[in-house]
Amino acid sequence: MILQMMSECFFKEGLAAAVDSLGFISHKFGESVMGNQHQLHESCIIYVNNTGYVLTVMTDDKDIKQLPEVIKEISKVAYNTIKSGSSKILANSK
């Protein structure tokens, strides 16, 4: 039930933007504003090539318009790495 609910998420500009027709994504996002800082966070389970992985990206910036693109680019690296069958471990922090 939870995965079905997550698969119906309407936000497609972040993690889901990097998933092609070979993959399936269940995800949720959250956003908030604290002063002049905007936060956009997204977590997902992505399935591709009979492999599932979990990815969470947490962002903050003064310009909310940049945050979905940052999430998409991180998702693109992770998705293409898993899709290619690479065993490279991904890690990224501020």
C-alpha atoms as a PDB file:
ATOM      1  CA  MET A   1       0.000   0.000   0.000  1.00  0.00           C
ATOM      2  CA  ILE A   2       2.814   2.442   0.865  1.00  0.00           C
ATOM      3  CA  LEU A   3       4.709   1.699  -2.376  1.00  0.00           C
ATOM      4  CA  GLN A   4       1.536   2.196  -4.382  1.00  0.00           C
ATOM      5  CA  MET A   5       0.969   5.540  -2.699  1.00  0.00           C
ATOM      6  CA  MET A   6       4.583   6.537  -3.361  1.00  0.00           C
ATOM      7  CA  SER A   7       4.291   5.526  -7.023  1.00  0.00           C
ATOM      8  CA  GLU A   8       1.448   8.035  -7.444  1.00  0.00           C
ATOM      9  CA  CYS A   9       3.572  11.051  -6.476  1.00  0.00           C
ATOM     10  CA  PHE A  10       2.882  14.011  -8.762  1.00  0.00           C
ATOM     11  CA  PHE A  11       6.322  15.665  -8.459  1.00  0.00           C
ATOM     12  CA  LYS A  12       8.227  14.646 -11.606  1.00  0.00           C
ATOM     13  CA  GLU A  13      10.950  17.320 -11.839  1.00  0.00           C
ATOM     14  CA  GLY A  14      13.413  15.730  -9.378  1.00  0.00           C
ATOM     15  CA  LEU A  15      14.364  12.078  -8.972  1.00  0.00           C
ATOM     16  CA  ALA A  16      11.748  10.821 -11.434  1.00  0.00           C
ATOM     17  CA  ALA A  17      13.072  13.055 -14.231  1.00  0.00           C
ATOM     18  CA  ALA A  18      16.131  10.805 -14.574  1.00  0.00           C
ATOM     19  CA  VAL A  19      14.236   7.500 -14.826  1.00  0.00           C
ATOM     20  CA  ASP A  20      13.562   6.252 -18.350  1.00  0.00           C
ATOM     21  CA  SER A  21      10.960   3.722 -19.504  1.00  0.00           C
ATOM     22  CA  LEU A  22      13.162   0.804 -18.345  1.00  0.00           C
ATOM     23  CA  GLY A  23      12.846   1.868 -14.708  1.00  0.00           C
ATOM     24  CA  PHE A  24      10.065   2.234 -12.159  1.00  0.00           C
ATOM     25  CA  ILE A  25      10.079   4.748  -9.306  1.00  0.00           C
ATOM     26  CA  SER A  26       8.158   5.099  -6.061  1.00  0.00           C
ATOM     27  CA  HIS A  27       8.945   8.409  -4.356  1.00  0.00           C
ATOM     28  CA  LYS A  28       7.849  11.171  -2.020  1.00  0.00           C
ATOM     29  CA  PHE A  29       9.049  14.733  -1.593  1.00  0.00           C
ATOM     30  CA  GLY A  30       8.802  17.517   0.934  1.00  0.00           C
ATOM     31  CA  GLU A  31       9.510  21.205   0.852  1.00  0.00           C
ATOM     32  CA  SER A  32       9.730  24.009   3.372  1.00  0.00           C
ATOM     33  CA  VAL A  33      10.847  27.596   3.748  1.00  0.00           C
ATOM     34  CA  MET A  34      12.823  28.845   6.728  1.00  0.00           C
ATOM     35  CA  GLY A  35      13.495  32.553   6.406  1.00  0.00           C
ATOM     36  CA  ASN A  36      14.960  33.032   2.951  1.00  0.00           C
ATOM     37  CA  GLN A  37      16.195  29.411   2.679  1.00  0.00           C
ATOM     38  CA  HIS A  38      14.102  26.974   0.662  1.00  0.00           C
ATOM     39  CA  GLN A  39      14.418  23.248   1.245  1.00  0.00           C
ATOM     40  CA  LEU A  40      13.405  20.471  -1.123  1.00  0.00           C
ATOM     41  CA  HIS A  41      13.965  16.858  -0.116  1.00  0.00           C
ATOM     42  CA  GLU A  42      13.060  13.708  -2.020  1.00  0.00           C
ATOM     43  CA  SER A  43      13.366   9.989  -1.293  1.00  0.00           C
ATOM     44  CA  CYS A  44      12.715   7.122  -3.649  1.00  0.00           C
ATOM     45  CA  ILE A  45      12.958   3.459  -4.412  1.00  0.00           C
ATOM     46  CA  ILE A  46      13.965   2.909  -8.038  1.00  0.00           C
ATOM     47  CA  TYR A  47      13.856  -0.429  -9.822  1.00  0.00           C
ATOM     48  CA  VAL A  48      15.880  -1.071 -12.979  1.00  0.00           C
ATOM     49  CA  ASN A  49      17.504  -4.231 -14.399  1.00  0.00           C
ATOM     50  CA  ASN A  50      15.949  -6.395 -11.646  1.00  0.00           C
ATOM     51  CA  THR A  51      17.697  -4.242  -9.037  1.00  0.00           C
ATOM     52  CA  GLY A  52      16.145  -1.874  -6.557  1.00  0.00           C
ATOM     53  CA  TYR A  53      17.921   0.932  -4.780  1.00  0.00           C
ATOM     54  CA  VAL A  54      17.011   3.681  -2.341  1.00  0.00           C
ATOM     55  CA  LEU A  55      18.084   7.271  -2.877  1.00  0.00           C
ATOM     56  CA  THR A  56      17.440  10.333  -0.716  1.00  0.00           C
ATOM     57  CA  VAL A  57      18.516  13.834  -1.678  1.00  0.00           C
ATOM     58  CA  MET A  58      18.150  16.802   0.667  1.00  0.00           C
ATOM     59  CA  THR A  59      18.717  20.303  -0.723  1.00  0.00           C
ATOM     60  CA  ASP A  60      18.505  23.894   0.418  1.00  0.00           C
ATOM     61  CA  ASP A  61      19.142  27.199  -1.305  1.00  0.00           C
ATOM     62  CA  LYS A  62      17.782  30.722  -1.537  1.00  0.00           C
ATOM     63  CA  ASP A  63      16.501  29.977  -5.055  1.00  0.00           C
ATOM     64  CA  ILE A  64      13.841  27.223  -4.984  1.00  0.00           C
ATOM     65  CA  LYS A  65      13.919  26.982  -8.795  1.00  0.00           C
ATOM     66  CA  GLN A  66      17.417  25.412  -8.769  1.00  0.00           C
ATOM     67  CA  LEU A  67      16.646  22.616  -6.331  1.00  0.00           C
ATOM     68  CA  PRO A  68      14.706  20.208  -8.611  1.00  0.00           C
ATOM     69  CA  GLU A  69      17.548  20.380 -11.157  1.00  0.00           C
ATOM     70  CA  VAL A  70      20.125  19.504  -8.488  1.00  0.00           C
ATOM     71  CA  ILE A  71      18.038  16.511  -7.410  1.00  0.00           C
ATOM     72  CA  LYS A  72      17.572  15.423 -11.035  1.00  0.00           C
ATOM     73  CA  GLU A  73      21.306  15.518 -11.764  1.00  0.00           C
ATOM     74  CA  ILE A  74      22.130  13.420  -8.687  1.00  0.00           C
ATOM     75  CA  SER A  75      19.405  10.955  -9.641  1.00  0.00           C
ATOM     76  CA  LYS A  76      20.764  10.773 -13.199  1.00  0.00           C
ATOM     77  CA  VAL A  77      24.231   9.729 -11.952  1.00  0.00           C
ATOM     78  CA  ALA A  78      22.794   7.082  -9.625  1.00  0.00           C
ATOM     79  CA  TYR A  79      20.304   5.716 -12.171  1.00  0.00           C
ATOM     80  CA  ASN A  80      22.820   5.481 -15.025  1.00  0.00           C
ATOM     81  CA  THR A  81      25.366   3.802 -12.740  1.00  0.00           C
ATOM     82  CA  ILE A  82      22.893   1.141 -11.602  1.00  0.00           C
ATOM     83  CA  LYS A  83      21.437   0.732 -15.101  1.00  0.00           C
ATOM     84  CA  SER A  84      24.896   0.127 -16.564  1.00  0.00           C
ATOM     85  CA  GLY A  85      25.515  -2.658 -14.044  1.00  0.00           C
ATOM     86  CA  SER A  86      28.414  -0.835 -12.428  1.00  0.00           C
ATOM     87  CA  SER A  87      29.300  -1.830  -8.894  1.00  0.00           C
ATOM     88  CA  LYS A  88      30.727   1.619  -8.170  1.00  0.00           C
ATOM     89  CA  ILE A  89      29.562   2.923  -4.799  1.00  0.00           C
ATOM     90  CA  LEU A  90      28.011   6.363  -4.933  1.00  0.00           C
ATOM     91  CA  ALA A  91      28.389   8.882  -2.152  1.00  0.00           C
ATOM     92  CA  ASN A  92      27.907  12.614  -2.214  1.00  0.00           C
ATOM     93  CA  SER A  93      27.689  15.258   0.481  1.00  0.00           C
ATOM     94  CA  LYS A  94      27.951  19.022   0.727  1.00  0.00           C
END
